[in-house]
Amino acid sequence: MSPSIGTRAVVLCTQGITKVYRTGAVEVHALRGVDVALHEGELVVLLGASGSGKSTLLNILGGLDTPTGGRVLFRGRDIAGLSEAALTAFRRDHVGFVFQFYNLVPSLTARENVALVTEIAVNPMRPEEALERVGLKHRLEHFPAEMSGGEQQRVAIARAIAKRPEILLCDEPTGALDSATGVTVLEALVEVNRDLGAATAIITHNAGIRRIAHRVIYLADGRVARIEENATRVAPSEVTW
């Protein structure tokens, strides 16, 4: 049995973070004092309506954006006030990203798309190994246009995990996929989370996906509405779409 969340080390956490966007005299409060934590080997699902602050939170966790107030601690070190160069190094060395749209380079093969990351990472796995982990050993030399949407998303996952990240952040990774393809992508994410131990957070609008997570964080109006721990997790194939 895997250890409880309480016994896993915290990799990344926020303390009272706020985010205010200003357009002229208009202020939009995207986050209003959010406290969350991601633990080693944990898979978290973030749920909430559009505008609840999910993507803003994920971007701040990944160092793509900075909070207006509060702290973001990576293994106890506050990254909220880092320079852009230091944040770039944080993203490069510690964070893997998977987005709704795959952002693959059309002129590069699957192997070459993954190699974009492995060539700059500190301790990467081989592109072939990363692609094999997501079930695409047979697609190494195929271009994005020769692959289905689900296969392209799995290439994107392979690219994200090839650096052996401590944190894996996924923004609507199944949002552009049908249910059967989405299950395949979720299976890849669950397997990678289990085998590599990366603290994994998945944003989704599909409430059924919450059942694959260790914990579910519900956001509403820029705040954490509640957090639930799943006593029993289900396989992606059991998710209701």
Protein backbone atom coordinates (compact mmCIF):
# COMPACT_ATOMS: atom_id res chain seq x y z
CA MET A 1 0.00 0.00 0.00
CA SER A 2 1.32 3.46 -0.85
CA PRO A 3 2.10 5.79 2.07
CA SER A 4 -0.57 8.22 3.15
CA ILE A 5 -0.32 11.82 2.00
CA GLY A 6 0.62 12.85 5.50
CA THR A 7 3.83 10.80 5.38
CA ARG A 8 4.99 12.06 1.98
CA ALA A 9 7.39 15.00 1.78
CA VAL A 10 5.98 18.29 0.52
CA VAL A 11 7.64 19.22 -2.77
CA LEU A 12 5.81 22.46 -3.51
CA CYS A 13 3.35 24.56 -1.57
CA THR A 14 1.73 27.97 -1.55
CA GLN A 15 1.09 30.15 1.47
CA GLY A 16 -1.62 32.77 1.19
CA ILE A 17 -0.97 33.58 -2.44
CA THR A 18 -3.00 36.25 -4.19
CA LYS A 19 -3.03 37.29 -7.83
CA VAL A 20 -4.49 40.56 -9.05
CA TYR A 21 -4.60 41.50 -12.72
CA ARG A 22 -4.98 45.19 -13.48
CA THR A 23 -6.30 46.64 -16.72
CA GLY A 24 -6.45 50.38 -16.36
CA ALA A 25 -8.66 51.06 -13.35
CA VAL A 26 -10.12 47.54 -13.35
CA GLU A 27 -8.78 44.93 -10.95
CA VAL A 28 -9.46 41.22 -11.35
CA HIS A 29 -8.71 39.10 -8.27
CA ALA A 30 -7.81 35.71 -9.74
CA LEU A 31 -6.54 34.22 -6.46
CA ARG A 32 -7.57 35.32 -2.98
CA GLY A 33 -5.28 33.74 -0.37
CA VAL A 34 -4.67 30.18 -1.58
CA ASP A 35 -2.87 27.53 0.48
CA VAL A 36 -2.14 24.24 -1.30
CA ALA A 37 0.59 21.61 -1.12
CA LEU A 38 1.86 18.96 -3.54
CA HIS A 39 3.56 15.89 -2.08
CA GLU A 40 6.08 13.46 -3.51
CA GLY A 41 4.39 10.77 -5.58
CA GLU A 42 0.97 12.37 -5.19
CA LEU A 43 -1.58 12.88 -7.95
CA VAL A 44 -3.90 15.84 -7.32
CA VAL A 45 -6.87 16.92 -9.43
CA LEU A 46 -7.86 20.60 -9.44
CA LEU A 47 -11.56 21.17 -10.11
CA GLY A 48 -13.54 24.37 -10.54
CA ALA A 49 -15.59 26.42 -12.94
CA SER A 50 -14.02 28.67 -15.56
CA GLY A 51 -12.61 31.70 -13.78
CA SER A 52 -12.15 29.87 -10.47
CA GLY A 53 -8.37 30.39 -10.58
CA LYS A 54 -7.20 26.90 -11.58
CA SER A 55 -4.93 27.88 -14.46
CA THR A 56 -3.58 30.92 -12.62
CA LEU A 57 -2.67 28.68 -9.69
CA LEU A 58 -1.02 26.11 -11.95
CA ASN A 59 0.98 28.80 -13.73
CA ILE A 60 2.24 30.16 -10.41
CA LEU A 61 3.11 26.69 -9.14
CA GLY A 62 5.13 26.10 -12.31
CA GLY A 63 6.95 29.42 -12.25
CA LEU A 64 5.22 30.65 -15.43
CA ASP A 65 3.67 33.51 -13.44
CA THR A 66 4.34 35.19 -10.11
CA PRO A 67 1.85 35.93 -7.32
CA THR A 68 0.86 39.43 -6.28
CA GLY A 69 1.28 38.36 -2.65
CA GLY A 70 2.12 35.32 -0.57
CA ARG A 71 4.82 32.68 -0.87
CA VAL A 72 5.52 29.73 -3.17
CA LEU A 73 7.88 27.25 -1.54
CA PHE A 74 9.82 24.63 -3.51
CA ARG A 75 11.30 22.28 -0.93
CA GLY A 76 11.24 25.16 1.55
CA ARG A 77 12.74 27.79 -0.76
CA ASP A 78 10.56 30.74 -1.71
CA ILE A 79 10.51 31.04 -5.51
CA ALA A 80 7.89 33.79 -5.66
CA GLY A 81 10.46 36.58 -5.78
CA LEU A 82 13.02 34.95 -8.06
CA SER A 83 14.38 36.71 -11.13
CA GLU A 84 13.15 35.63 -14.54
CA ALA A 85 16.43 33.82 -15.15
CA ALA A 86 16.11 31.93 -11.87
CA LEU A 87 12.49 31.01 -12.62
CA THR A 88 13.57 29.74 -16.04
CA ALA A 89 16.14 27.52 -14.34
CA PHE A 90 13.49 26.28 -11.88
CA ARG A 91 11.15 25.34 -14.74
CA ARG A 92 13.94 23.72 -16.74
CA ASP A 93 15.35 21.63 -13.91
CA HIS A 94 12.29 20.69 -11.85
CA VAL A 95 8.94 21.10 -13.68
CA GLY A 96 7.28 19.24 -16.54
CA PHE A 97 4.28 20.82 -18.28
CA VAL A 98 1.46 19.20 -20.27
CA PHE A 99 -1.14 21.48 -21.87
CA GLN A 100 -4.48 20.92 -23.60
CA PHE A 101 -2.91 21.54 -26.99
CA TYR A 102 0.19 19.53 -27.55
CA ASN A 103 2.61 22.26 -28.72
CA LEU A 104 4.70 19.81 -30.72
CA VAL A 105 7.04 21.06 -33.44
CA PRO A 106 5.41 19.82 -36.69
CA SER A 107 8.70 19.40 -38.56
CA LEU A 108 10.24 17.17 -35.88
CA THR A 109 9.63 13.48 -35.21
CA ALA A 110 8.37 12.22 -31.86
CA ARG A 111 11.94 11.39 -30.86
CA GLU A 112 13.17 14.84 -31.90
CA ASN A 113 10.35 16.63 -30.07
CA VAL A 114 11.33 14.88 -26.85
CA ALA A 115 15.03 15.51 -27.50
CA LEU A 116 14.33 19.26 -27.35
CA VAL A 117 14.07 18.76 -23.58
CA THR A 118 16.66 16.03 -23.05
CA GLU A 119 19.37 18.13 -24.70
CA ILE A 120 19.08 20.84 -22.02
CA ALA A 121 18.04 18.84 -18.94
CA VAL A 122 20.44 18.03 -16.11
CA ASN A 123 19.77 14.29 -15.78
CA PRO A 124 17.40 13.29 -18.57
CA MET A 125 16.22 9.89 -19.68
CA ARG A 126 16.76 8.98 -23.30
CA PRO A 127 13.95 10.13 -25.65
CA GLU A 128 13.36 6.48 -26.56
CA GLU A 129 12.82 5.57 -22.90
CA ALA A 130 10.43 8.48 -22.33
CA LEU A 131 8.36 7.51 -25.37
CA GLU A 132 8.35 3.85 -24.37
CA ARG A 133 6.96 4.84 -20.94
CA VAL A 134 3.89 6.32 -22.63
CA GLY A 135 3.43 3.42 -25.02
CA LEU A 136 4.91 5.01 -28.14
CA LYS A 137 8.03 2.95 -28.76
CA HIS A 138 6.66 2.21 -32.23
CA ARG A 139 6.20 5.92 -33.10
CA LEU A 140 9.74 7.24 -32.62
CA GLU A 141 10.22 8.43 -36.19
CA HIS A 142 6.68 9.62 -36.87
CA PHE A 143 5.80 13.28 -37.27
CA PRO A 144 2.89 14.89 -35.39
CA ALA A 145 0.72 14.96 -38.52
CA GLU A 146 1.10 11.17 -38.76
CA MET A 147 -0.24 10.61 -35.24
CA SER A 148 -3.66 10.79 -33.60
CA GLY A 149 -4.51 13.46 -31.04
CA GLY A 150 -4.01 11.00 -28.19
CA GLU A 151 -0.63 9.93 -29.53
CA GLN A 152 0.45 13.55 -29.88
CA GLN A 153 -0.59 14.22 -26.28
CA ARG A 154 1.42 11.21 -25.14
CA VAL A 155 4.44 12.59 -26.99
CA ALA A 156 3.87 15.81 -25.05
CA ILE A 157 3.79 13.80 -21.80
CA ALA A 158 7.00 11.99 -22.81
CA ARG A 159 8.62 15.37 -23.47
CA ALA A 160 7.49 16.62 -20.06
CA ILE A 161 8.78 13.60 -18.12
CA ALA A 162 12.05 13.12 -20.03
CA LYS A 163 13.81 15.60 -17.71
CA ARG A 164 12.73 13.47 -14.70
CA PRO A 165 10.79 16.37 -13.15
CA GLU A 166 9.93 16.53 -9.48
CA ILE A 167 6.68 18.33 -10.41
CA LEU A 168 4.36 17.51 -13.32
CA LEU A 169 1.65 20.08 -14.08
CA CYS A 170 -1.13 19.24 -16.55
CA ASP A 171 -3.66 21.84 -17.75
CA GLU A 172 -6.73 20.11 -19.29
CA PRO A 173 -4.61 17.31 -20.81
CA THR A 174 -7.73 15.47 -22.05
CA GLY A 175 -9.76 18.57 -22.95
CA ALA A 176 -9.32 18.16 -26.72
CA LEU A 177 -9.77 14.38 -26.76
CA ASP A 178 -12.67 11.95 -26.97
CA SER A 179 -13.35 9.70 -23.99
CA ALA A 180 -11.48 6.60 -25.21
CA THR A 181 -8.40 8.62 -26.15
CA GLY A 182 -8.64 10.58 -22.92
CA VAL A 183 -8.54 7.35 -20.92
CA THR A 184 -5.32 6.36 -22.71
CA VAL A 185 -3.73 9.71 -21.82
CA LEU A 186 -4.86 9.45 -18.18
CA GLU A 187 -3.43 5.93 -17.99
CA ALA A 188 -0.07 7.30 -19.15
CA LEU A 189 -0.19 10.06 -16.51
CA VAL A 190 -1.13 7.66 -13.69
CA GLU A 191 1.64 5.25 -14.68
CA VAL A 192 4.22 8.02 -14.89
CA ASN A 193 3.13 9.41 -11.51
CA ARG A 194 3.46 5.97 -9.94
CA ASP A 195 6.77 5.01 -11.56
CA LEU A 196 8.64 8.32 -11.44
CA GLY A 197 7.14 9.70 -8.23
CA ALA A 198 6.63 13.23 -9.55
CA ALA A 199 4.17 15.38 -7.63
CA THR A 200 1.43 15.62 -10.27
CA ALA A 201 -1.41 18.13 -10.57
CA ILE A 202 -4.11 17.85 -13.24
CA ILE A 203 -6.59 20.63 -14.07
CA THR A 204 -9.82 19.35 -15.57
CA HIS A 205 -13.44 20.34 -16.12
CA ASN A 206 -14.42 16.66 -16.05
CA ALA A 207 -15.47 15.91 -12.47
CA GLY A 208 -15.27 12.17 -13.15
CA ILE A 209 -11.48 12.38 -13.42
CA ARG A 210 -11.26 13.32 -9.73
CA ARG A 211 -11.64 9.63 -8.88
CA ILE A 212 -8.14 8.76 -10.16
CA ALA A 213 -6.50 11.22 -7.74
CA HIS A 214 -5.10 10.87 -4.24
CA ARG A 215 -6.65 14.24 -3.42
CA VAL A 216 -9.08 16.64 -5.08
CA ILE A 217 -8.76 20.40 -4.61
CA TYR A 218 -11.92 22.37 -5.44
CA LEU A 219 -11.49 26.03 -6.33
CA ALA A 220 -14.18 28.71 -6.49
CA ASP A 221 -13.82 32.47 -6.95
CA GLY A 222 -10.07 32.37 -6.46
CA ARG A 223 -10.20 30.42 -3.21
CA VAL A 224 -9.85 26.79 -2.13
CA ALA A 225 -13.44 25.76 -1.48
CA ARG A 226 -12.56 22.35 -0.05
CA ILE A 227 -10.08 19.49 -0.31
CA GLU A 228 -11.09 15.84 -0.41
CA GLU A 229 -8.91 12.75 -0.10
CA ASN A 230 -9.99 9.69 -2.06
CA ALA A 231 -10.09 6.65 0.22
CA THR A 232 -10.26 4.48 -2.90
CA ARG A 233 -8.91 5.48 -6.30
CA VAL A 234 -10.21 4.09 -9.58
CA ALA A 235 -8.42 3.25 -12.81
CA PRO A 236 -8.82 5.71 -15.71
CA SER A 237 -10.89 3.09 -17.55
CA GLU A 238 -13.53 3.41 -14.81
CA VAL A 239 -13.87 7.18 -15.16
CA THR A 240 -17.31 8.42 -16.24
CA TRP A 241 -17.11 10.96 -19.05
